[in-house]
Amino acid sequence: MSKREVFHSDDDAHRLPMYPPGLRMNFGSGGVWDGELDQHKFFNKFASTALDLYNLPPADSPADGMKRLEIIGRLRSMLDAAEASLMADTLEMCAREATSRGVQESLLDQGDDQAQQLSAKYYGVNLADEITVRSSFIAEAAIAMRDSETHIQGKLFTAEGLRNLCVDTLSALANGEITTKAAREIVKQSQDLVPEDIKQMEHVLLPLAKTATDSAISQRARRMRERLHPKPLDERHKEARELRSVTWWADENGMATLQVYLPAEDIFSMVNTVNWFAVTNVDEDDERTERQRRADIFRDAMIDGWPDSNGTPLKARVAVTIPALEMLADPKKALAELEGYGPIPIGTALKIAQEAPSFIKVLTDPWTGAAIDVAREKYRPSKALKDLLRFRDVQCRFPGCNRLAEQSEADHIDGWAQGGHTSRTNTELLCKRHQLFKHALGWEVTYRPDGSVSWRTPNGIVCLEVPGSVKTVQNFDFEKSQTPVLPEVEMTDRVRRVLGWYDPPEAAAG
């Protein structure tokens, strides 16, 4: 058995651009004084905030309870920042100590523990090797923290990334400004990027992470990584296709789970087709739930073939947004958007569009990617507005909700009965559940001029939600009610032709 097989699993391999343990510069570079500053940074504010919470009188209203929960959330972020720093620094100390011990023993040609050295030679491992040190550290930390090694392994990955690479993210976490999940996602999506691009990712995402939900940060971090990745998405997509597979495992009660790894456009086509059959022509006597019908349809399709029909709506159920201006400027870097999934190679999108039975023209902002208008030549204004909401909002606009446009409805921000208009600035997509929250449970929403909406909970907690179609938030100022005006696009004949707005001179003359 090899050293790697004994001490290393592919699950904990990561691709972050930083030195291995024992050679890192962040730890101890300033000596005792540096350590004192870190101690103050990671524990002083936590202690003072915890003391302030302790000294508050007991909560006597829902608003008081919500405020205390908000403080506890910040404390958890602060504590996780301290834990991450301590884990990464302790691993660094273990690596340096192991290296120092190995040098001393090689000079003296003997060790303090002869049996330990003999065992190391028997297994063919170097006690100062990174894999060995890391494996031992994870096992020991799991015992100290009464956690599983798998969980500690994941925590250590985030800790190393925060302490040695995403230092601004660590500072925001230590101040209780962002959640641990947001910090973990920023580190995860930093893989394969160069340090300069990681700094850009932090610069863009951290202001948003102070108010947005974790799912919003996850989606935007993934999109940023796709755009900043040094290898084109099309190449990575081709490599990933080689790994397509079907796996399964047994579950309890005579059940099992099937997992399929395929290109995203295939998976979403399959899922959307199954969903279409599950809600179409449902027998009123059918007592199955929609979830059960979806499972049964998939099972029947795999074993017995599709039920008799005039054909599946597979192609019609796939919606792709192709950024015309980006493709015009640099076709190699342009990324299309598969509805419900995210970035896909432009070549894949063009192939889907080539086979599509019809098109809807969507005008997107070239700086943020937000949908700002839709074609109206073939649709009534009400239909055009629905199309705009579908492409602009992508999903339910309630913070943290991922229900797609098909599972949501247009809802008036300012109620129709109170004089609210049916317009793009006064409508948003909301699922049924969150319509209830807004209309019956005291949740309030306000539209902002930059297209975002501000939610206020019944007890005063505020959360900002940016439209799902927005791919970059650099132009959003989260401290102001209105963001700066974006630069104008020069509408040349070439741009008009790409957008389908160009009329040849001879046609205009006729």
Protein backbone atom coordinates (compact mmCIF):
# COMPACT_ATOMS: atom_id res chain seq x y z
CA MET A 1 0.00 0.00 0.00
CA SER A 2 1.43 3.39 -1.00
CA LYS A 3 1.92 6.38 1.25
CA ARG A 4 -0.84 8.25 -0.58
CA GLU A 5 -3.28 5.38 -0.17
CA VAL A 6 -2.62 5.24 3.56
CA PHE A 7 -2.74 8.92 4.43
CA HIS A 8 -4.53 10.72 1.63
CA SER A 9 -7.94 10.73 0.03
CA ASP A 10 -8.84 12.40 -3.25
CA ASP A 11 -11.76 13.99 -1.43
CA ASP A 12 -9.52 16.47 0.41
CA ALA A 13 -7.39 17.43 -2.59
CA HIS A 14 -7.82 21.08 -3.46
CA ARG A 15 -6.42 23.47 -5.98
CA LEU A 16 -5.84 26.70 -4.07
CA PRO A 17 -2.80 28.78 -5.09
CA MET A 18 -0.82 28.77 -1.83
CA TYR A 19 2.28 27.25 -0.31
CA PRO A 20 2.03 23.90 1.51
CA PRO A 21 2.08 23.80 5.33
CA GLY A 22 5.48 24.63 6.80
CA LEU A 23 6.26 27.28 4.19
CA ARG A 24 3.42 29.75 4.64
CA MET A 25 4.17 33.41 5.32
CA ASN A 26 0.96 34.57 7.05
CA PHE A 27 1.63 32.63 10.22
CA GLY A 28 4.06 34.15 12.68
CA SER A 29 5.59 36.60 10.21
CA GLY A 30 5.47 39.39 12.80
CA GLY A 31 6.54 37.38 15.83
CA VAL A 32 4.88 37.87 19.22
CA TRP A 33 3.47 41.27 18.25
CA ASP A 34 1.73 39.70 15.23
CA GLY A 35 0.30 37.00 17.47
CA GLU A 36 -1.06 39.58 19.90
CA LEU A 37 -2.82 41.42 17.07
CA ASP A 38 -4.37 38.18 15.88
CA GLN A 39 -5.51 37.37 19.40
CA HIS A 40 -7.19 40.75 19.61
CA LYS A 41 -8.71 40.44 16.12
CA PHE A 42 -10.27 37.03 16.59
CA PHE A 43 -11.28 37.04 20.25
CA ASN A 44 -11.62 40.58 21.62
CA LYS A 45 -14.64 41.57 19.54
CA PHE A 46 -16.22 38.17 20.11
CA ALA A 47 -15.80 38.55 23.87
CA SER A 48 -17.20 42.10 23.96
CA THR A 49 -20.17 41.17 21.74
CA ALA A 50 -20.93 38.12 23.86
CA LEU A 51 -20.75 40.25 27.00
CA ASP A 52 -23.10 42.83 25.50
CA LEU A 53 -25.57 40.06 24.68
CA TYR A 54 -25.22 38.64 28.19
CA ASN A 55 -25.99 42.04 29.76
CA LEU A 56 -29.18 42.57 27.75
CA PRO A 57 -32.44 42.03 29.64
CA PRO A 58 -34.53 38.99 28.71
CA ALA A 59 -36.32 39.32 25.36
CA ASP A 60 -39.94 40.34 25.88
CA SER A 61 -41.11 40.74 22.26
CA PRO A 62 -40.60 39.02 18.91
CA ALA A 63 -38.52 42.00 17.75
CA ASP A 64 -36.21 41.63 20.76
CA GLY A 65 -35.87 37.92 20.05
CA MET A 66 -35.00 38.56 16.40
CA LYS A 67 -32.35 41.13 17.34
CA ARG A 68 -30.72 38.67 19.72
CA LEU A 69 -30.78 35.93 17.09
CA GLU A 70 -29.06 38.36 14.74
CA ILE A 71 -26.34 38.97 17.36
CA ILE A 72 -25.93 35.23 17.91
CA GLY A 73 -25.49 34.80 14.16
CA ARG A 74 -22.67 37.36 14.21
CA LEU A 75 -21.10 35.62 17.20
CA ARG A 76 -21.17 32.31 15.35
CA SER A 77 -19.36 33.92 12.41
CA MET A 78 -16.76 35.43 14.75
CA LEU A 79 -16.22 32.10 16.50
CA ASP A 80 -15.89 30.26 13.18
CA ALA A 81 -13.29 32.83 12.05
CA ALA A 82 -11.29 32.21 15.21
CA GLU A 83 -11.62 28.45 14.72
CA ALA A 84 -10.47 28.69 11.08
CA SER A 85 -7.44 30.79 12.00
CA LEU A 86 -6.51 28.47 14.85
CA MET A 87 -6.90 25.33 12.73
CA ALA A 88 -4.72 26.68 9.91
CA ASP A 89 -2.08 28.01 12.31
CA THR A 90 -2.01 24.77 14.30
CA LEU A 91 -1.49 22.76 11.11
CA GLU A 92 1.33 25.16 10.20
CA MET A 93 2.93 24.65 13.64
CA CYS A 94 2.60 20.87 13.26
CA ALA A 95 4.28 20.99 9.85
CA ARG A 96 7.15 23.20 11.04
CA GLU A 97 7.66 21.08 14.13
CA ALA A 98 7.73 17.88 12.06
CA THR A 99 10.24 19.41 9.63
CA SER A 100 12.45 20.66 12.46
CA ARG A 101 12.34 17.29 14.21
CA GLY A 102 13.21 15.50 10.97
CA VAL A 103 16.26 17.74 10.39
CA GLN A 104 17.53 17.24 13.94
CA GLU A 105 17.11 13.49 13.78
CA SER A 106 18.90 13.26 10.43
CA LEU A 107 21.83 15.24 11.89
CA LEU A 108 22.01 13.09 15.00
CA ASP A 109 21.15 9.90 13.10
CA GLN A 110 18.79 8.93 15.87
CA GLY A 111 15.33 9.75 17.13
CA ASP A 112 13.66 10.10 20.45
CA ASP A 113 11.40 7.23 19.57
CA GLN A 114 13.15 4.38 17.81
CA ALA A 115 9.93 2.38 17.45
CA GLN A 116 8.21 5.32 15.76
CA GLN A 117 11.02 5.67 13.25
CA LEU A 118 11.06 1.95 12.52
CA SER A 119 7.30 1.95 11.96
CA ALA A 120 7.60 4.92 9.61
CA LYS A 121 10.21 3.10 7.56
CA TYR A 122 8.10 -0.05 7.51
CA TYR A 123 5.11 1.82 6.06
CA GLY A 124 7.32 3.82 3.74
CA VAL A 125 6.31 7.24 5.06
CA ASN A 126 8.20 10.35 6.02
CA LEU A 127 6.97 11.77 9.32
CA ALA A 128 7.71 15.29 8.06
CA ASP A 129 5.80 14.78 4.80
CA GLU A 130 2.77 17.04 4.29
CA ILE A 131 0.38 14.13 3.70
CA THR A 132 1.46 12.46 6.92
CA VAL A 133 1.30 15.65 8.98
CA ARG A 134 -2.11 16.57 7.58
CA SER A 135 -3.56 13.13 8.17
CA SER A 136 -2.38 13.10 11.78
CA PHE A 137 -3.62 16.63 12.38
CA ILE A 138 -7.11 15.85 11.05
CA ALA A 139 -7.41 12.76 13.23
CA GLU A 140 -6.25 14.64 16.34
CA ALA A 141 -8.42 17.66 15.68
CA ALA A 142 -11.43 15.39 15.19
CA ILE A 143 -10.89 14.00 18.68
CA ALA A 144 -10.28 17.44 20.20
CA MET A 145 -13.42 18.86 18.59
CA ARG A 146 -15.48 15.67 18.95
CA ASP A 147 -16.28 15.65 15.25
CA SER A 148 -15.81 13.29 12.31
CA GLU A 149 -12.59 13.32 10.33
CA THR A 150 -14.58 13.95 7.15
CA HIS A 151 -16.13 17.06 8.65
CA ILE A 152 -12.80 18.29 10.03
CA GLN A 153 -11.21 17.71 6.64
CA GLY A 154 -13.78 20.03 5.05
CA LYS A 155 -13.31 22.63 7.78
CA LEU A 156 -9.56 22.53 7.32
CA PHE A 157 -9.88 23.20 3.60
CA THR A 158 -11.90 26.34 4.32
CA ALA A 159 -9.58 27.35 7.18
CA GLU A 160 -6.44 27.14 5.04
CA GLY A 161 -8.08 29.14 2.27
CA LEU A 162 -9.27 31.86 4.64
CA ARG A 163 -6.05 32.17 6.65
CA ASN A 164 -3.58 32.01 3.77
CA LEU A 165 -5.45 33.25 0.71
CA CYS A 166 -8.85 34.93 1.24
CA VAL A 167 -7.73 37.16 4.08
CA ASP A 168 -10.36 39.87 3.43
CA THR A 169 -13.06 37.22 3.69
CA LEU A 170 -11.57 36.04 6.99
CA SER A 171 -11.61 39.61 8.32
CA ALA A 172 -15.26 40.07 7.33
CA LEU A 173 -16.09 36.77 9.04
CA ALA A 174 -14.17 37.78 12.18
CA ASN A 175 -16.20 41.01 12.31
CA GLY A 176 -19.45 39.08 12.08
CA GLU A 177 -20.32 40.77 8.78
CA ILE A 178 -20.81 37.59 6.69
CA THR A 179 -21.86 34.03 7.37
CA THR A 180 -19.58 31.03 7.50
CA LYS A 181 -21.38 29.47 4.54
CA ALA A 182 -20.66 32.54 2.42
CA ALA A 183 -16.98 32.46 3.44
CA ARG A 184 -16.78 28.75 2.71
CA GLU A 185 -18.28 29.26 -0.77
CA ILE A 186 -15.82 32.04 -1.63
CA VAL A 187 -12.91 29.76 -0.68
CA LYS A 188 -14.39 26.83 -2.61
CA GLN A 189 -14.84 28.87 -5.78
CA SER A 190 -11.27 30.24 -5.49
CA GLN A 191 -9.90 26.91 -6.72
CA ASP A 192 -7.88 27.07 -9.95
CA LEU A 193 -7.86 30.90 -9.92
CA VAL A 194 -4.80 33.13 -9.60
CA PRO A 195 -4.48 35.31 -6.46
CA GLU A 196 -5.32 38.50 -8.40
CA ASP A 197 -8.64 37.04 -9.57
CA ILE A 198 -9.41 35.81 -6.07
CA LYS A 199 -8.93 39.35 -4.77
CA GLN A 200 -11.36 40.57 -7.42
CA MET A 201 -13.88 37.93 -6.37
CA GLU A 202 -13.63 39.08 -2.75
CA HIS A 203 -13.94 42.74 -3.77
CA VAL A 204 -17.15 42.03 -5.66
CA LEU A 205 -18.81 39.49 -3.36
CA LEU A 206 -18.02 40.69 0.16
CA PRO A 207 -20.24 43.83 0.05
CA LEU A 208 -23.11 41.70 -1.19
CA ALA A 209 -22.44 38.94 1.35
CA LYS A 210 -23.15 41.37 4.20
CA THR A 211 -26.87 41.39 3.37
CA ALA A 212 -27.60 38.67 0.80
CA THR A 213 -28.53 35.04 1.45
CA ASP A 214 -25.98 32.24 1.33
CA SER A 215 -27.58 30.72 -1.77
CA ALA A 216 -27.23 34.03 -3.63
CA ILE A 217 -23.53 34.23 -2.75
CA SER A 218 -23.04 30.60 -3.80
CA GLN A 219 -24.59 31.20 -7.22
CA ARG A 220 -22.66 34.41 -7.87
CA ALA A 221 -19.35 32.97 -6.67
CA ARG A 222 -19.79 30.02 -9.02
CA ARG A 223 -20.56 32.34 -11.92
CA MET A 224 -17.53 34.51 -11.16
CA ARG A 225 -15.27 31.47 -11.06
CA GLU A 226 -16.57 30.36 -14.44
CA ARG A 227 -15.73 33.76 -15.91
CA LEU A 228 -12.32 34.09 -14.26
CA HIS A 229 -11.16 30.51 -14.77
CA PRO A 230 -7.97 30.42 -16.89
CA LYS A 231 -9.21 27.43 -18.89
CA PRO A 232 -12.26 28.07 -21.13
CA LEU A 233 -15.48 26.51 -19.91
CA ASP A 234 -15.88 24.70 -23.21
CA GLU A 235 -12.61 22.80 -22.62
CA ARG A 236 -13.53 21.94 -19.04
CA HIS A 237 -16.98 20.87 -20.18
CA LYS A 238 -15.45 18.47 -22.71
CA GLU A 239 -13.17 17.01 -20.04
CA ALA A 240 -16.05 16.66 -17.59
CA ARG A 241 -18.18 14.87 -20.19
CA GLU A 242 -15.62 12.07 -20.13
CA LEU A 243 -16.56 11.47 -16.48
CA ARG A 244 -20.29 11.00 -17.14
CA SER A 245 -21.63 8.10 -15.14
CA VAL A 246 -24.56 6.41 -13.46
CA THR A 247 -24.17 5.33 -9.85
CA TRP A 248 -26.53 3.97 -7.26
CA TRP A 249 -26.59 2.93 -3.63
CA ALA A 250 -28.93 1.02 -1.38
CA ASP A 251 -31.12 2.84 1.13
CA GLU A 252 -33.30 1.66 3.97
CA ASN A 253 -36.70 0.01 3.72
CA GLY A 254 -36.05 -1.77 0.42
CA MET A 255 -35.33 1.47 -1.45
CA ALA A 256 -32.32 2.69 -3.44
CA THR A 257 -31.04 5.95 -4.96
CA LEU A 258 -29.96 6.49 -8.56
CA GLN A 259 -27.48 9.25 -9.45
CA VAL A 260 -26.72 10.37 -13.01
CA TYR A 261 -23.78 12.61 -13.91
CA LEU A 262 -24.41 14.18 -17.33
CA PRO A 263 -24.09 17.58 -19.05
CA ALA A 264 -26.36 20.13 -17.40
CA GLU A 265 -28.45 20.71 -20.52
CA ASP A 266 -29.29 16.98 -20.67
CA ILE A 267 -30.18 16.77 -16.98
CA PHE A 268 -32.42 19.84 -17.10
CA SER A 269 -34.10 18.59 -20.27
CA MET A 270 -34.85 15.28 -18.54
CA VAL A 271 -36.09 16.93 -15.35
CA ASN A 272 -38.25 19.48 -17.16
CA THR A 273 -39.77 16.78 -19.35
CA VAL A 274 -40.63 14.63 -16.32
CA ASN A 275 -42.09 17.68 -14.56
CA TRP A 276 -44.21 18.48 -17.63
CA PHE A 277 -45.73 15.02 -17.70
CA ALA A 278 -46.30 15.13 -13.93
CA VAL A 279 -48.55 18.20 -14.09
CA THR A 280 -50.22 17.66 -17.49
CA ASN A 281 -53.52 15.84 -17.89
CA VAL A 282 -53.62 14.67 -14.27
CA ASP A 283 -56.53 12.37 -13.50
CA GLU A 284 -58.66 13.88 -10.75
CA ASP A 285 -58.91 10.41 -9.18
CA ASP A 286 -55.11 10.08 -9.06
CA GLU A 287 -54.24 10.21 -5.37
CA ARG A 288 -50.47 10.37 -5.89
CA THR A 289 -48.56 13.49 -4.96
CA GLU A 290 -46.71 15.41 -7.67
CA ARG A 291 -43.41 14.10 -6.29
CA GLN A 292 -44.67 10.52 -6.52
CA ARG A 293 -45.90 11.07 -10.08
CA ARG A 294 -42.49 12.42 -11.12
CA ALA A 295 -40.76 9.37 -9.67
CA ASP A 296 -43.23 6.98 -11.32
CA ILE A 297 -42.92 8.70 -14.71
CA PHE A 298 -39.14 8.47 -14.58
CA ARG A 299 -39.30 4.82 -13.56
CA ASP A 300 -41.81 4.00 -16.32
CA ALA A 301 -39.73 5.84 -18.93
CA MET A 302 -36.57 3.93 -18.02
CA ILE A 303 -38.29 0.53 -17.90
CA ASP A 304 -41.33 0.70 -20.20
CA GLY A 305 -40.58 3.74 -22.41
CA TRP A 306 -42.42 7.07 -22.56
CA PRO A 307 -46.22 6.96 -22.35
CA ASP A 308 -48.15 7.47 -25.59
CA SER A 309 -48.10 11.16 -26.53
CA ASN A 310 -47.47 13.49 -29.43
CA GLY A 311 -43.87 13.88 -28.33
CA THR A 312 -42.07 15.31 -25.38
CA PRO A 313 -41.62 19.06 -24.82
CA LEU A 314 -37.93 18.48 -24.11
CA LYS A 315 -36.51 21.19 -26.35
CA ALA A 316 -39.22 23.70 -25.55
CA ARG A 317 -38.56 23.30 -21.82
CA VAL A 318 -34.94 24.46 -22.05
CA ALA A 319 -34.43 28.24 -21.86
CA VAL A 320 -31.05 29.74 -22.72
CA THR A 321 -29.94 33.37 -22.55
CA ILE A 322 -27.18 34.20 -25.05
CA PRO A 323 -25.42 37.57 -24.39
CA ALA A 324 -25.23 39.07 -27.87
CA LEU A 325 -22.92 41.96 -26.96
CA GLU A 326 -20.48 39.72 -25.11
CA MET A 327 -20.43 37.29 -28.00
CA LEU A 328 -19.81 40.17 -30.37
CA ALA A 329 -16.92 41.53 -28.29
CA ASP A 330 -15.16 38.23 -27.52
CA PRO A 331 -16.83 34.95 -28.59
CA LYS A 332 -14.24 32.85 -26.72
CA LYS A 333 -15.02 34.43 -23.34
CA ALA A 334 -18.78 34.80 -23.76
CA LEU A 335 -20.86 32.53 -21.52
CA ALA A 336 -24.52 31.70 -22.04
CA GLU A 337 -26.99 31.07 -19.21
CA LEU A 338 -29.03 27.85 -18.94
CA GLU A 339 -32.20 28.68 -17.03
CA GLY A 340 -32.16 27.03 -13.61
CA TYR A 341 -28.50 26.01 -13.81
CA GLY A 342 -26.10 28.83 -14.67
CA PRO A 343 -23.19 29.33 -17.13
CA ILE A 344 -22.76 26.92 -20.04
CA PRO A 345 -20.38 27.04 -23.05
CA ILE A 346 -21.54 29.39 -25.80
CA GLY A 347 -21.20 26.54 -28.32
CA THR A 348 -23.67 24.41 -26.37
CA ALA A 349 -26.10 27.32 -26.14
CA LEU A 350 -25.94 28.01 -29.85
CA LYS A 351 -26.60 24.34 -30.57
CA ILE A 352 -29.67 24.41 -28.30
CA ALA A 353 -30.85 27.64 -29.93
CA GLN A 354 -30.38 26.13 -33.39
CA GLU A 355 -32.80 23.34 -32.52
CA ALA A 356 -35.29 25.55 -30.68
CA PRO A 357 -38.73 25.95 -32.32
CA SER A 358 -38.94 29.68 -31.43
CA PHE A 359 -37.06 32.58 -29.85
CA ILE A 360 -37.74 35.31 -27.33
CA LYS A 361 -35.43 38.30 -27.66
CA VAL A 362 -34.14 39.42 -24.27
CA LEU A 363 -32.25 42.72 -23.84
CA THR A 364 -29.66 42.39 -21.04
CA ASP A 365 -27.59 45.06 -19.37
CA PRO A 366 -24.04 44.56 -20.75
CA TRP A 367 -22.41 45.38 -17.38
CA THR A 368 -24.56 43.48 -14.87
CA GLY A 369 -26.20 40.89 -17.13
CA ALA A 370 -29.67 41.75 -15.80
CA ALA A 371 -32.63 41.33 -18.15
CA ILE A 372 -34.12 44.79 -18.70
CA ASP A 373 -36.54 44.29 -21.59
CA VAL A 374 -38.03 41.63 -23.85
CA ALA A 375 -39.21 41.66 -27.43
CA ARG A 376 -42.86 42.67 -27.84
CA GLU A 377 -43.49 42.09 -31.53
CA LYS A 378 -45.37 38.80 -31.04
CA TYR A 379 -46.80 39.15 -27.56
CA ARG A 380 -49.33 41.29 -25.73
CA PRO A 381 -47.74 43.56 -23.08
CA SER A 382 -48.92 41.29 -20.26
CA LYS A 383 -47.19 38.34 -21.88
CA ALA A 384 -44.06 40.41 -22.47
CA LEU A 385 -44.02 41.44 -18.81
CA LYS A 386 -44.24 37.81 -17.73
CA ASP A 387 -41.35 36.97 -20.03
CA LEU A 388 -39.32 39.86 -18.60
CA LEU A 389 -39.91 38.70 -15.02
CA ARG A 390 -38.93 35.17 -15.98
CA PHE A 391 -35.60 36.26 -17.45
CA ARG A 392 -34.91 39.12 -15.00
CA ASP A 393 -35.79 37.45 -11.70
CA VAL A 394 -35.03 33.82 -12.74
CA GLN A 395 -36.59 32.55 -9.52
CA CYS A 396 -38.73 33.61 -6.56
CA ARG A 397 -37.39 36.93 -5.23
CA PHE A 398 -37.86 36.00 -1.58
CA PRO A 399 -34.44 35.85 0.17
CA GLY A 400 -33.03 32.35 -0.04
CA CYS A 401 -35.85 30.85 -2.12
CA ASN A 402 -34.72 28.90 -5.20
CA ARG A 403 -38.10 28.09 -6.73
CA LEU A 404 -37.79 28.71 -10.45
CA ALA A 405 -39.94 31.02 -12.54
CA GLU A 406 -42.27 28.17 -13.51
CA GLN A 407 -43.08 27.64 -9.84
CA SER A 408 -43.64 31.35 -9.16
CA GLU A 409 -46.11 34.05 -10.19
CA ALA A 410 -45.99 37.77 -10.90
CA ASP A 411 -46.82 39.68 -7.73
CA HIS A 412 -47.42 43.40 -7.19
CA ILE A 413 -44.85 45.02 -4.88
CA ASP A 414 -47.28 47.83 -4.10
CA GLY A 415 -50.72 46.22 -4.02
CA TRP A 416 -53.11 46.77 -6.92
CA ALA A 417 -55.84 47.79 -4.49
CA GLN A 418 -53.54 50.46 -3.08
CA GLY A 419 -52.87 51.97 -6.50
CA GLY A 420 -49.88 49.87 -7.56
CA HIS A 421 -49.31 49.55 -11.31
CA THR A 422 -48.67 46.43 -13.34
CA SER A 423 -45.18 47.37 -14.50
CA ARG A 424 -41.66 46.00 -14.39
CA THR A 425 -40.80 48.30 -11.45
CA ASN A 426 -43.79 47.16 -9.41
CA THR A 427 -43.83 43.42 -10.07
CA GLU A 428 -41.63 40.53 -9.03
CA LEU A 429 -41.74 36.75 -9.08
CA LEU A 430 -42.95 35.14 -5.86
CA CYS A 431 -43.88 31.54 -5.16
CA LYS A 432 -47.20 30.82 -3.45
CA ARG A 433 -45.62 30.34 -0.04
CA HIS A 434 -43.82 33.66 -0.07
CA GLN A 435 -46.82 35.51 -1.45
CA LEU A 436 -48.44 34.44 1.81
CA PHE A 437 -45.45 35.83 3.75
CA LYS A 438 -45.73 39.19 1.99
CA HIS A 439 -49.46 39.58 2.03
CA ALA A 440 -50.48 37.94 5.31
CA LEU A 441 -47.49 37.64 7.64
CA GLY A 442 -46.17 41.18 7.73
CA TRP A 443 -43.15 40.89 5.42
CA GLU A 444 -42.51 44.11 3.46
CA VAL A 445 -40.70 44.60 0.16
CA THR A 446 -39.50 47.81 -1.50
CA TYR A 447 -38.32 48.17 -5.09
CA ARG A 448 -35.03 50.05 -5.58
CA PRO A 449 -34.09 52.01 -8.73
CA ASP A 450 -31.18 49.66 -9.48
CA GLY A 451 -33.57 46.69 -9.85
CA SER A 452 -32.90 45.10 -6.46
CA VAL A 453 -35.59 44.74 -3.81
CA SER A 454 -35.27 45.31 -0.09
CA TRP A 455 -37.10 42.91 2.21
CA ARG A 456 -38.02 43.81 5.79
CA THR A 457 -39.06 41.06 8.18
CA PRO A 458 -41.96 41.54 10.60
CA ASN A 459 -39.46 42.41 13.32
CA GLY A 460 -37.23 44.78 11.40
CA ILE A 461 -34.43 42.64 9.89
CA VAL A 462 -33.51 43.98 6.44
CA CYS A 463 -32.18 41.86 3.56
CA LEU A 464 -31.33 42.99 0.03
CA GLU A 465 -32.16 40.72 -2.91
CA VAL A 466 -30.59 41.27 -6.33
CA PRO A 467 -32.32 39.93 -9.50
CA GLY A 468 -31.18 36.44 -10.40
CA SER A 469 -30.13 37.51 -13.89
CA VAL A 470 -27.50 39.90 -12.50
CA LYS A 471 -24.09 38.29 -13.02
CA THR A 472 -21.93 41.02 -11.48
CA VAL A 473 -22.68 43.40 -8.62
CA GLN A 474 -19.77 45.79 -9.08
CA ASN A 475 -22.15 48.61 -10.02
CA PHE A 476 -24.43 48.11 -7.02
CA ASP A 477 -23.89 50.35 -4.01
CA PHE A 478 -25.46 48.55 -1.07
CA GLU A 479 -25.10 51.54 1.25
CA LYS A 480 -27.24 53.84 -0.91
CA SER A 481 -30.83 53.73 -2.09
CA GLN A 482 -29.75 54.15 -5.72
CA THR A 483 -26.64 53.00 -7.51
CA PRO A 484 -24.64 55.22 -9.87
CA VAL A 485 -25.88 55.49 -13.43
CA LEU A 486 -24.20 52.94 -15.68
CA PRO A 487 -22.25 54.12 -18.71
CA GLU A 488 -24.23 54.28 -21.92
CA VAL A 489 -23.76 51.88 -24.81
CA GLU A 490 -22.94 53.36 -28.18
CA MET A 491 -25.69 51.98 -30.43
CA THR A 492 -23.75 51.48 -33.63
CA ASP A 493 -25.23 49.81 -36.70
CA ARG A 494 -23.32 46.65 -35.80
CA VAL A 495 -24.78 46.51 -32.28
CA ARG A 496 -28.28 47.20 -33.61
CA ARG A 497 -27.89 44.39 -36.14
CA VAL A 498 -26.89 41.92 -33.40
CA LEU A 499 -29.89 42.94 -31.30
CA GLY A 500 -32.23 42.64 -34.28
CA TRP A 501 -33.07 46.34 -34.24
CA TYR A 502 -31.30 47.26 -37.46
CA ASP A 503 -33.30 48.15 -40.56
CA PRO A 504 -31.27 48.31 -43.79
CA PRO A 505 -31.44 51.73 -45.49
CA GLU A 506 -33.25 50.27 -48.52
CA ALA A 507 -35.90 48.74 -46.27
CA ALA A 508 -36.41 52.00 -44.44
CA ALA A 509 -36.69 53.83 -47.75
CA GLY A 510 -39.32 51.38 -49.02
